[in-house]
Amino acid sequence: MLTVVGLYGVMSYAVAQRTNEIGIRLALGAQRGDVLLMVLRQGIFVVLPGILAGLIGSAALGSALRSLLFNVSPTDPWTFAGIAGLLFAVAMVACWLPARRAAQVDPIVAMRHDLS
């Protein structure tokens, strides 16, 4: 839950900082779907290195935590894949909300805000 809230906050902040840029892109003819994919891609580039580092760290520390694991081996590939997949799916939902908001930016309002 902490990961989701943190990622949502980071992505919301990034979208808020890029509102003018997104408005200009939309004014110049970018499709709303393109903006949505651009923000989701940015989220993927944040999430994937974190998941990879987590997998490497958990594989390295798994043997040290062997006594705390019940009915699961420290390097169970199904557990690693399941948790990584679940984290990726939840992270994409957390990125989708700011991406949807970015795709709804009105170009006129964003450009007017830039002039003031």
Protein backbone atom coordinates (compact mmCIF):
# COMPACT_ATOMS: atom_id res chain seq x y z
CA MET A 1 0.00 0.00 0.00
CA LEU A 2 2.88 2.33 0.80
CA THR A 3 4.36 1.68 -2.65
CA VAL A 4 1.08 2.47 -4.38
CA VAL A 5 0.52 5.71 -2.45
CA GLY A 6 4.11 6.81 -3.03
CA LEU A 7 4.01 6.02 -6.73
CA TYR A 8 0.66 7.77 -7.11
CA GLY A 9 2.09 10.85 -5.39
CA VAL A 10 5.20 10.90 -7.57
CA MET A 11 3.21 10.46 -10.77
CA SER A 12 0.65 13.09 -9.77
CA TYR A 13 3.44 15.54 -9.06
CA ALA A 14 5.14 14.76 -12.38
CA VAL A 15 1.88 15.29 -14.26
CA ALA A 16 1.22 18.56 -12.42
CA GLN A 17 4.70 19.80 -13.35
CA ARG A 18 4.18 18.87 -17.00
CA THR A 19 0.64 20.28 -17.39
CA ASN A 20 1.80 23.11 -19.65
CA GLU A 21 3.84 20.75 -21.81
CA ILE A 22 0.92 18.34 -22.09
CA GLY A 23 -1.42 21.20 -23.01
CA ILE A 24 0.95 22.33 -25.75
CA ARG A 25 1.24 18.77 -27.07
CA LEU A 26 -2.55 18.51 -27.21
CA ALA A 27 -2.82 21.93 -28.88
CA LEU A 28 -0.34 20.84 -31.54
CA GLY A 29 -2.38 17.76 -32.37
CA ALA A 30 -1.36 14.99 -29.99
CA GLN A 31 -4.13 12.51 -29.33
CA ARG A 32 -5.35 11.96 -25.77
CA GLY A 33 -4.37 8.30 -26.05
CA ASP A 34 -0.81 9.32 -26.88
CA VAL A 35 -0.65 11.48 -23.76
CA LEU A 36 -2.06 8.62 -21.68
CA LEU A 37 0.59 6.24 -23.02
CA MET A 38 3.34 8.81 -22.48
CA VAL A 39 2.52 9.14 -18.79
CA LEU A 40 2.07 5.37 -18.34
CA ARG A 41 5.43 4.79 -20.03
CA GLN A 42 7.02 7.23 -17.59
CA GLY A 43 5.50 5.21 -14.74
CA ILE A 44 6.81 1.95 -16.17
CA PHE A 45 10.33 3.39 -16.26
CA VAL A 46 9.97 4.17 -12.55
CA VAL A 47 8.42 0.83 -11.56
CA LEU A 48 10.47 -1.72 -13.49
CA PRO A 49 13.89 -0.85 -12.02
CA GLY A 50 12.34 -0.94 -8.55
CA ILE A 51 10.81 -4.36 -9.14
CA LEU A 52 14.10 -5.65 -10.57
CA ALA A 53 16.06 -4.33 -7.58
CA GLY A 54 13.51 -5.87 -5.24
CA LEU A 55 13.78 -9.25 -6.93
CA ILE A 56 17.57 -9.18 -6.76
CA GLY A 57 17.51 -8.06 -3.13
CA SER A 58 14.96 -10.66 -2.08
CA ALA A 59 16.91 -13.42 -3.82
CA ALA A 60 20.08 -12.28 -2.05
CA LEU A 61 18.46 -11.99 1.38
CA GLY A 62 16.16 -15.00 1.05
CA SER A 63 18.58 -17.44 2.64
CA ALA A 64 19.13 -15.11 5.61
CA LEU A 65 15.37 -15.07 6.25
CA ARG A 66 14.90 -18.82 5.84
CA SER A 67 13.75 -19.26 9.46
CA LEU A 68 10.88 -16.77 8.94
CA LEU A 69 9.48 -18.51 5.85
CA PHE A 70 6.88 -21.24 6.27
CA ASN A 71 6.07 -23.70 3.47
CA VAL A 72 7.93 -21.54 0.93
CA SER A 73 11.51 -21.87 -0.21
CA PRO A 74 13.63 -18.69 -0.07
CA THR A 75 13.96 -18.67 -3.86
CA ASP A 76 10.47 -19.80 -4.90
CA PRO A 77 10.06 -18.54 -8.50
CA TRP A 78 6.24 -18.62 -8.37
CA THR A 79 6.20 -16.40 -5.29
CA PHE A 80 8.69 -13.96 -6.83
CA ALA A 81 6.79 -13.82 -10.12
CA GLY A 82 3.41 -13.49 -8.41
CA ILE A 83 4.45 -10.66 -6.14
CA ALA A 84 6.31 -8.85 -8.94
CA GLY A 85 3.29 -9.18 -11.24
CA LEU A 86 0.90 -8.00 -8.55
CA LEU A 87 3.10 -5.01 -7.73
CA PHE A 88 3.37 -4.13 -11.43
CA ALA A 89 -0.40 -4.33 -11.93
CA VAL A 90 -1.17 -2.20 -8.89
CA ALA A 91 1.54 0.30 -9.88
CA MET A 92 0.01 0.64 -13.34
CA VAL A 93 -3.36 1.44 -11.77
CA ALA A 94 -1.63 4.04 -9.58
CA CYS A 95 -0.05 5.53 -12.73
CA TRP A 96 -3.25 5.34 -14.75
CA LEU A 97 -5.12 7.81 -12.53
CA PRO A 98 -2.68 10.71 -13.11
CA ALA A 99 -2.32 9.66 -16.76
CA ARG A 100 -6.07 9.90 -17.24
CA ARG A 101 -6.05 13.34 -15.63
CA ALA A 102 -3.21 14.40 -17.97
CA ALA A 103 -5.18 13.26 -21.00
CA GLN A 104 -8.10 15.46 -19.92
CA VAL A 105 -6.01 18.67 -19.84
CA ASP A 106 -7.67 21.47 -21.80
CA PRO A 107 -4.97 22.96 -24.08
CA ILE A 108 -6.42 26.47 -23.90
CA VAL A 109 -6.45 26.52 -20.10
CA ALA A 110 -2.90 25.11 -19.92
CA MET A 111 -1.56 27.67 -22.37
CA ARG A 112 -3.43 30.54 -20.70
CA HIS A 113 -1.92 29.47 -17.36
CA ASP A 114 1.52 29.53 -19.00
CA LEU A 115 1.09 33.17 -20.08
CA SER A 116 0.13 34.48 -16.65
